[in-house]
Amino acid sequence: MEGFALFLVALVSMGITNLAMVPEKTSRNVSAMYVLGDSSVDCGSNTLFYPIIHLNLSLLPCNGSNSILLPYLLAKKMGLPYAEPFYAQNGTIDGLLNGVNYGAAHATILSPTSLSHQSLNHQLRQVFETVQLLELQLGHESSRHFIRSSLFYLAFGKDDYIDLFLRNFSGVMAEYNGPQFAEILVNQMVHAVMNLYDMNVRKVVLMGILPLGCAPSLLFQWHIDDATGCVEMINEVILRYNVLLEKSIVRLNEELPDAHLVFCDLYQGVKKIITYPHFFGFEDAKNACCGLGLYGAEIGCVTSDIACNTVSANVWWDLYNPTPKANSLLAESTWSGQQLLSNICRPTTIRGLVYSSVSPPT
């Protein structure tokens, strides 16, 4: 058994997870991919004035470009072109038919108090505009069929806890406790799914929040490093949101005819990687690859010149975001559910969602 485990580690270390990048050969039931979310889906290119208004002192929330982010890796698995940023669209129908990335670094579920970053509702309005343009160009019936057969990917919540909760923990706690705040966020996500459903969207992937209590910035801010290597108080708050979101998805799948909603538990996936870093081929599960000071978190990734020499050795790229290697592991696991991080997505894998059939519009 020990030899087999070492064999698996060797496979991971050699980059066997790059198999996740090979497109499937068989026919898929997805026309395009539309992405909504935060810095987990956007490196800053879709956020107006990002270099000026960045709030976490990390100008480079990912190593390179959007191509190393989870939705991009999944799009390659589907054999789809990656959705271009909303603000890079040239207004042609071909651009819209290839999918759109509405996501923006620092985007939150709740509406921000300033114009510094976009909210979930802001991105939903952009989706509505896209749907109207598709209907205008394709016609009512064709556009309805196209939207029903497209996949919508939602990844929110991280920046709500960073900007609205963790940065002012005592202030928010005075108004809401952890469960109440989670309920507010989940209710907004449910409302978003209902809005998408009303736009004829049927296939939706909703990503849970990573264990932020294990992220370099939180380790630095809270100065807590127990046996788990994480701030478990923070993780418990995040876990509450993930549990409520999954329960809501189960309920919506039962209530909405022909809805295909999938919850992906990135919390459990990343927590397992952090707990057994060497098993997954990592050398450092605490420090940011790109950053300065304790845990690489006193100053964020203001330039790639300060990044570590071997990016693949680290779980974390900057203050809150995983490295390309960690994203690659998550991509393979959310897609197939057959690798080392099994059963992340429920009730089916993203591959199962892609190849599932949706009833034609009536």
Protein backbone atom coordinates (compact mmCIF):
# COMPACT_ATOMS: atom_id res chain seq x y z
CA MET A 1 0.00 0.00 0.00
CA GLU A 2 2.86 2.34 0.86
CA GLY A 3 4.48 1.65 -2.51
CA PHE A 4 1.24 2.49 -4.31
CA ALA A 5 0.94 5.77 -2.42
CA LEU A 6 4.49 6.69 -3.38
CA PHE A 7 3.66 5.86 -6.99
CA LEU A 8 0.71 8.28 -6.89
CA VAL A 9 2.91 10.99 -5.43
CA ALA A 10 5.42 10.44 -8.20
CA LEU A 11 2.68 10.82 -10.82
CA VAL A 12 1.53 14.11 -9.29
CA SER A 13 5.11 15.38 -9.01
CA MET A 14 5.73 14.63 -12.70
CA GLY A 15 2.68 16.69 -13.66
CA ILE A 16 0.35 13.86 -14.57
CA THR A 17 -2.51 16.23 -13.80
CA ASN A 18 -1.74 17.89 -17.12
CA LEU A 19 -3.96 15.15 -18.53
CA ALA A 20 -6.75 17.46 -17.40
CA MET A 21 -5.83 19.71 -20.30
CA VAL A 22 -6.61 17.07 -22.96
CA PRO A 23 -10.03 17.75 -24.55
CA GLU A 24 -12.60 14.98 -24.51
CA LYS A 25 -13.12 13.12 -27.79
CA THR A 26 -16.81 12.33 -27.39
CA SER A 27 -19.78 14.59 -28.10
CA ARG A 28 -20.64 17.13 -25.45
CA ASN A 29 -23.94 18.80 -24.65
CA VAL A 30 -22.55 22.27 -23.92
CA SER A 31 -22.51 25.06 -26.52
CA ALA A 32 -20.42 27.61 -24.63
CA MET A 33 -19.17 28.55 -21.17
CA TYR A 34 -20.08 31.77 -19.37
CA VAL A 35 -18.11 32.70 -16.28
CA LEU A 36 -19.05 34.93 -13.34
CA GLY A 37 -16.88 35.44 -10.29
CA ASP A 38 -13.96 37.08 -8.50
CA SER A 39 -10.16 36.79 -8.68
CA SER A 40 -10.54 33.02 -9.01
CA VAL A 41 -11.74 33.65 -12.59
CA ASP A 42 -9.99 36.95 -13.46
CA CYS A 43 -6.39 38.08 -13.10
CA GLY A 44 -7.39 41.74 -13.22
CA SER A 45 -7.80 42.12 -16.98
CA ASN A 46 -11.58 42.36 -16.62
CA THR A 47 -11.48 44.84 -13.76
CA LEU A 48 -11.43 48.48 -14.82
CA PHE A 49 -8.52 50.45 -13.28
CA TYR A 50 -7.43 47.33 -11.35
CA PRO A 51 -3.80 48.46 -10.88
CA ILE A 52 -5.07 51.70 -9.29
CA ILE A 53 -7.83 50.40 -7.05
CA HIS A 54 -6.48 47.03 -5.94
CA LEU A 55 -7.35 46.54 -2.30
CA ASN A 56 -5.22 43.61 -1.16
CA LEU A 57 -1.87 44.97 -2.38
CA SER A 58 -1.57 42.09 -4.83
CA LEU A 59 -1.38 43.41 -8.37
CA LEU A 60 -0.98 39.90 -9.81
CA PRO A 61 -3.65 37.61 -8.29
CA CYS A 62 -2.43 34.80 -10.52
CA ASN A 63 0.79 33.73 -12.15
CA GLY A 64 0.66 34.92 -15.75
CA SER A 65 -2.79 35.16 -17.29
CA ASN A 66 -6.31 33.81 -16.94
CA SER A 67 -5.11 30.66 -18.73
CA ILE A 68 -3.96 29.07 -15.46
CA LEU A 69 -7.27 29.67 -13.65
CA LEU A 70 -9.75 26.89 -12.92
CA PRO A 71 -12.52 27.81 -15.42
CA TYR A 72 -9.96 28.08 -18.23
CA LEU A 73 -8.58 24.63 -17.42
CA LEU A 74 -12.10 23.22 -17.39
CA ALA A 75 -12.94 24.90 -20.72
CA LYS A 76 -9.98 23.08 -22.27
CA LYS A 77 -11.31 19.81 -20.89
CA MET A 78 -14.63 20.54 -22.58
CA GLY A 79 -12.94 21.39 -25.85
CA LEU A 80 -14.33 24.92 -25.68
CA PRO A 81 -12.57 28.23 -26.32
CA TYR A 82 -12.02 30.14 -23.12
CA ALA A 83 -14.57 32.87 -22.51
CA GLU A 84 -13.03 36.24 -23.33
CA PRO A 85 -13.44 39.10 -20.79
CA PHE A 86 -16.65 41.09 -21.05
CA TYR A 87 -14.81 44.37 -21.58
CA ALA A 88 -12.75 42.81 -24.39
CA GLN A 89 -15.84 41.94 -26.44
CA ASN A 90 -16.05 43.67 -29.81
CA GLY A 91 -19.81 43.33 -30.13
CA THR A 92 -19.77 40.55 -32.73
CA ILE A 93 -22.04 37.54 -32.44
CA ASP A 94 -19.04 35.20 -32.80
CA GLY A 95 -17.51 36.62 -29.65
CA LEU A 96 -20.69 36.08 -27.67
CA LEU A 97 -21.17 32.54 -29.00
CA ASN A 98 -17.68 31.60 -27.76
CA GLY A 99 -18.69 32.48 -24.20
CA VAL A 100 -18.02 35.50 -22.00
CA ASN A 101 -16.07 35.98 -18.78
CA TYR A 102 -17.93 38.56 -16.67
CA GLY A 103 -15.73 37.90 -13.64
CA ALA A 104 -13.62 40.60 -12.04
CA ALA A 105 -10.92 40.49 -9.41
CA HIS A 106 -12.38 41.50 -6.01
CA ALA A 107 -15.96 40.97 -7.17
CA THR A 108 -18.34 40.38 -4.26
CA ILE A 109 -21.78 38.87 -3.74
CA LEU A 110 -22.99 41.93 -1.87
CA SER A 111 -22.94 45.27 -3.65
CA PRO A 112 -19.74 47.17 -2.78
CA THR A 113 -19.87 50.54 -1.08
CA SER A 114 -17.66 52.06 -3.79
CA LEU A 115 -16.95 51.59 -7.50
CA SER A 116 -13.69 49.82 -6.71
CA HIS A 117 -14.96 46.39 -7.72
CA GLN A 118 -17.95 44.73 -9.32
CA SER A 119 -20.71 42.80 -7.61
CA LEU A 120 -22.68 39.69 -8.45
CA ASN A 121 -25.66 41.84 -9.49
CA HIS A 122 -23.46 43.92 -11.77
CA GLN A 123 -22.31 40.79 -13.58
CA LEU A 124 -25.87 39.45 -13.77
CA ARG A 125 -26.89 42.64 -15.57
CA GLN A 126 -24.10 42.00 -18.07
CA VAL A 127 -25.41 38.45 -18.58
CA PHE A 128 -28.89 39.86 -19.23
CA GLU A 129 -27.45 42.21 -21.84
CA THR A 130 -25.70 39.27 -23.51
CA VAL A 131 -28.88 37.19 -23.57
CA GLN A 132 -30.77 40.08 -25.18
CA LEU A 133 -28.07 40.47 -27.84
CA LEU A 134 -28.13 36.72 -28.57
CA GLU A 135 -31.89 36.82 -28.95
CA LEU A 136 -31.61 39.80 -31.29
CA GLN A 137 -28.98 38.07 -33.43
CA LEU A 138 -30.16 34.45 -33.35
CA GLY A 139 -33.88 34.81 -32.90
CA HIS A 140 -36.01 33.82 -29.93
CA GLU A 141 -36.06 30.03 -30.32
CA SER A 142 -32.43 29.58 -31.37
CA SER A 143 -31.14 31.79 -28.57
CA ARG A 144 -33.22 29.94 -25.98
CA HIS A 145 -31.83 26.61 -27.14
CA PHE A 146 -28.28 27.99 -27.12
CA ILE A 147 -28.55 29.36 -23.57
CA ARG A 148 -30.14 26.15 -22.27
CA SER A 149 -27.24 24.15 -23.66
CA SER A 150 -24.55 26.48 -22.31
CA LEU A 151 -22.79 26.12 -18.96
CA PHE A 152 -22.64 28.96 -16.44
CA TYR A 153 -19.80 28.93 -13.89
CA LEU A 154 -20.17 30.98 -10.66
CA ALA A 155 -17.36 31.53 -8.16
CA PHE A 156 -18.14 34.13 -5.49
CA GLY A 157 -17.92 34.75 -1.77
CA LYS A 158 -14.19 34.85 -1.14
CA ASP A 159 -13.90 38.60 -1.41
CA ASP A 160 -17.04 39.18 0.67
CA TYR A 161 -15.31 37.48 3.58
CA ILE A 162 -11.99 39.19 2.87
CA ASP A 163 -13.28 42.74 2.36
CA LEU A 164 -16.52 42.77 4.33
CA PHE A 165 -15.81 40.29 7.10
CA LEU A 166 -12.16 39.52 7.74
CA ARG A 167 -10.86 43.06 7.31
CA ASN A 168 -13.38 44.41 9.78
CA PHE A 169 -14.15 41.29 11.76
CA SER A 170 -15.35 42.96 14.95
CA GLY A 171 -17.42 45.56 13.09
CA VAL A 172 -19.35 43.03 11.06
CA MET A 173 -19.70 40.71 14.01
CA ALA A 174 -21.45 43.52 15.85
CA GLU A 175 -24.19 43.47 13.19
CA TYR A 176 -24.17 39.82 12.08
CA ASN A 177 -22.89 36.59 13.51
CA GLY A 178 -21.18 34.03 11.28
CA PRO A 179 -24.32 32.00 10.41
CA GLN A 180 -26.36 35.15 9.68
CA PHE A 181 -23.73 36.52 7.33
CA ALA A 182 -23.51 33.18 5.52
CA GLU A 183 -27.30 33.10 5.12
CA ILE A 184 -27.30 36.59 3.59
CA LEU A 185 -24.65 35.60 1.07
CA VAL A 186 -26.29 32.27 0.20
CA ASN A 187 -29.68 33.94 -0.25
CA GLN A 188 -28.10 36.28 -2.78
CA MET A 189 -26.55 33.34 -4.62
CA VAL A 190 -29.92 31.57 -4.71
CA HIS A 191 -31.46 34.76 -6.10
CA ALA A 192 -28.75 34.81 -8.79
CA VAL A 193 -29.48 31.21 -9.79
CA MET A 194 -33.19 32.02 -10.01
CA ASN A 195 -32.41 35.02 -12.22
CA LEU A 196 -30.29 32.86 -14.50
CA TYR A 197 -33.01 30.21 -14.60
CA ASP A 198 -35.52 32.86 -15.68
CA MET A 199 -33.09 33.71 -18.52
CA ASN A 200 -33.40 30.07 -19.62
CA VAL A 201 -30.08 28.94 -18.10
CA ARG A 202 -30.22 25.29 -17.02
CA LYS A 203 -26.63 24.16 -16.41
CA VAL A 204 -24.87 25.93 -13.54
CA VAL A 205 -21.70 25.14 -11.57
CA LEU A 206 -21.35 26.91 -8.22
CA MET A 207 -17.96 26.87 -6.53
CA GLY A 208 -17.54 26.82 -2.77
CA ILE A 209 -15.07 29.12 -1.03
CA LEU A 210 -11.51 27.98 -0.35
CA PRO A 211 -10.33 27.52 3.27
CA LEU A 212 -9.27 31.15 3.71
CA GLY A 213 -8.07 30.38 7.22
CA CYS A 214 -5.17 28.55 5.58
CA ALA A 215 -4.28 31.39 3.18
CA PRO A 216 -0.98 33.25 3.79
CA SER A 217 -2.65 36.61 4.45
CA LEU A 218 -4.88 35.22 7.19
CA LEU A 219 -2.01 33.36 8.83
CA PHE A 220 -0.11 36.66 8.91
CA GLN A 221 -3.02 38.83 10.09
CA TRP A 222 -4.19 36.50 12.84
CA HIS A 223 -0.78 35.24 14.00
CA ILE A 224 -2.33 31.86 14.70
CA ASP A 225 -0.55 28.74 13.57
CA ASP A 226 -1.95 25.72 15.38
CA ALA A 227 -1.33 22.06 14.62
CA THR A 228 -3.44 22.28 11.47
CA GLY A 229 -1.42 25.18 10.08
CA CYS A 230 -4.63 27.20 9.62
CA VAL A 231 -6.87 29.65 11.46
CA GLU A 232 -9.69 27.23 12.14
CA MET A 233 -11.99 29.94 13.52
CA ILE A 234 -12.03 31.51 10.06
CA ASN A 235 -12.41 28.17 8.33
CA GLU A 236 -15.47 27.34 10.42
CA VAL A 237 -17.12 30.56 9.22
CA ILE A 238 -16.31 29.73 5.59
CA LEU A 239 -17.49 26.16 6.02
CA ARG A 240 -20.87 27.42 7.21
CA TYR A 241 -21.36 29.27 3.92
CA ASN A 242 -20.36 26.24 1.84
CA VAL A 243 -22.73 23.93 3.71
CA LEU A 244 -25.66 26.33 3.31
CA LEU A 245 -24.91 26.85 -0.39
CA GLU A 246 -24.84 23.12 -1.08
CA LYS A 247 -28.12 22.58 0.78
CA SER A 248 -29.70 25.36 -1.28
CA ILE A 249 -28.47 23.75 -4.50
CA VAL A 250 -29.99 20.42 -3.50
CA ARG A 251 -33.31 22.18 -2.87
CA LEU A 252 -33.22 24.12 -6.15
CA ASN A 253 -32.48 20.95 -8.12
CA GLU A 254 -35.67 19.50 -6.68
CA GLU A 255 -37.82 22.60 -7.18
CA LEU A 256 -36.73 23.88 -10.61
CA PRO A 257 -37.81 21.70 -13.54
CA ASP A 258 -34.89 20.51 -15.67
CA ALA A 259 -32.34 22.45 -13.59
CA HIS A 260 -28.85 20.91 -13.56
CA LEU A 261 -27.02 22.58 -10.67
CA VAL A 262 -23.68 21.34 -9.34
CA PHE A 263 -21.83 22.37 -6.18
CA CYS A 264 -18.02 21.97 -6.16
CA ASP A 265 -16.47 21.75 -2.70
CA LEU A 266 -13.13 23.44 -3.28
CA TYR A 267 -12.79 23.87 0.49
CA GLN A 268 -12.35 20.14 1.06
CA GLY A 269 -10.07 19.78 -1.95
CA VAL A 270 -7.66 22.54 -0.93
CA LYS A 271 -7.79 21.51 2.74
CA LYS A 272 -6.69 18.02 1.78
CA ILE A 273 -3.82 19.39 -0.29
CA ILE A 274 -2.72 21.61 2.61
CA THR A 275 -2.99 18.76 5.13
CA TYR A 276 -0.90 16.38 2.98
CA PRO A 277 1.21 18.70 0.79
CA HIS A 278 4.04 16.25 0.12
CA PHE A 279 1.57 13.58 -0.97
CA PHE A 280 0.38 15.95 -3.70
CA GLY A 281 3.89 17.01 -4.68
CA PHE A 282 4.11 20.34 -2.82
CA GLU A 283 6.89 21.52 -0.55
CA ASP A 284 5.23 24.59 0.99
CA ALA A 285 1.58 24.84 2.04
CA LYS A 286 1.80 28.06 4.09
CA ASN A 287 3.83 30.69 2.27
CA ALA A 288 2.78 32.72 -0.76
CA CYS A 289 5.06 32.18 -3.74
CA CYS A 290 4.72 35.84 -4.74
CA GLY A 291 4.91 38.21 -1.76
CA LEU A 292 7.25 39.56 0.89
CA GLY A 293 7.57 39.19 4.65
CA LEU A 294 6.14 36.57 6.99
CA TYR A 295 4.25 33.92 4.99
CA GLY A 296 4.90 36.12 1.93
CA ALA A 297 1.88 38.10 3.09
CA GLU A 298 3.13 41.39 4.53
CA ILE A 299 3.30 42.79 0.98
CA GLY A 300 1.31 41.17 -1.80
CA CYS A 301 2.41 40.24 -5.31
CA VAL A 302 3.15 43.73 -6.65
CA THR A 303 5.48 42.33 -9.31
CA SER A 304 6.35 38.86 -10.56
CA ASP A 305 10.01 39.70 -9.91
CA ILE A 306 9.49 38.80 -6.24
CA ALA A 307 7.95 35.40 -6.99
CA CYS A 308 9.62 32.22 -5.78
CA ASN A 309 11.90 30.33 -8.14
CA THR A 310 9.83 27.13 -8.25
CA VAL A 311 6.14 28.05 -8.40
CA SER A 312 5.03 24.43 -8.50
CA ALA A 313 6.49 23.83 -5.02
CA ASN A 314 3.90 26.12 -3.39
CA VAL A 315 0.18 25.64 -2.82
CA TRP A 316 -0.45 29.41 -2.66
CA TRP A 317 0.50 31.89 -5.36
CA ASP A 318 -0.27 35.12 -3.47
CA LEU A 319 -2.28 36.25 -0.46
CA TYR A 320 -5.41 34.18 -1.19
CA ASN A 321 -5.05 32.46 -4.57
CA PRO A 322 -3.66 28.98 -5.39
CA THR A 323 -0.78 28.30 -7.77
CA PRO A 324 -1.30 26.87 -11.28
CA LYS A 325 -0.33 23.41 -10.05
CA ALA A 326 -2.96 23.50 -7.29
CA ASN A 327 -5.55 24.73 -9.81
CA SER A 328 -4.59 21.89 -12.14
CA LEU A 329 -5.26 19.33 -9.41
CA LEU A 330 -8.62 20.92 -8.67
CA ALA A 331 -9.51 21.03 -12.36
CA GLU A 332 -8.91 17.33 -12.84
CA SER A 333 -10.80 16.44 -9.67
CA THR A 334 -13.83 18.63 -10.35
CA TRP A 335 -13.95 17.34 -13.91
CA SER A 336 -13.64 13.61 -13.43
CA GLY A 337 -13.91 12.97 -9.69
CA GLN A 338 -11.52 10.07 -10.17
CA GLN A 339 -8.20 11.48 -9.04
CA LEU A 340 -6.76 11.98 -5.58
CA LEU A 341 -9.39 14.57 -4.62
CA SER A 342 -12.53 12.57 -5.26
CA ASN A 343 -16.17 13.56 -4.73
CA ILE A 344 -15.51 17.30 -4.81
CA CYS A 345 -18.48 18.11 -7.04
CA ARG A 346 -21.98 17.01 -6.15
CA PRO A 347 -24.44 15.61 -7.20
CA THR A 348 -22.25 14.93 -10.27
CA THR A 349 -18.91 15.91 -11.69
CA ILE A 350 -18.53 18.79 -14.11
CA ARG A 351 -17.94 16.19 -16.82
CA GLY A 352 -21.25 14.58 -15.90
CA LEU A 353 -22.93 17.98 -16.13
CA VAL A 354 -21.38 18.72 -19.52
CA TYR A 355 -22.60 15.44 -21.03
CA SER A 356 -26.04 15.56 -19.44
CA SER A 357 -29.05 16.35 -21.61
CA VAL A 358 -31.40 19.28 -21.10
CA SER A 359 -34.95 19.22 -22.38
CA PRO A 360 -35.57 21.52 -25.36
CA PRO A 361 -37.49 24.73 -24.66
CA THR A 362 -41.27 24.50 -24.88
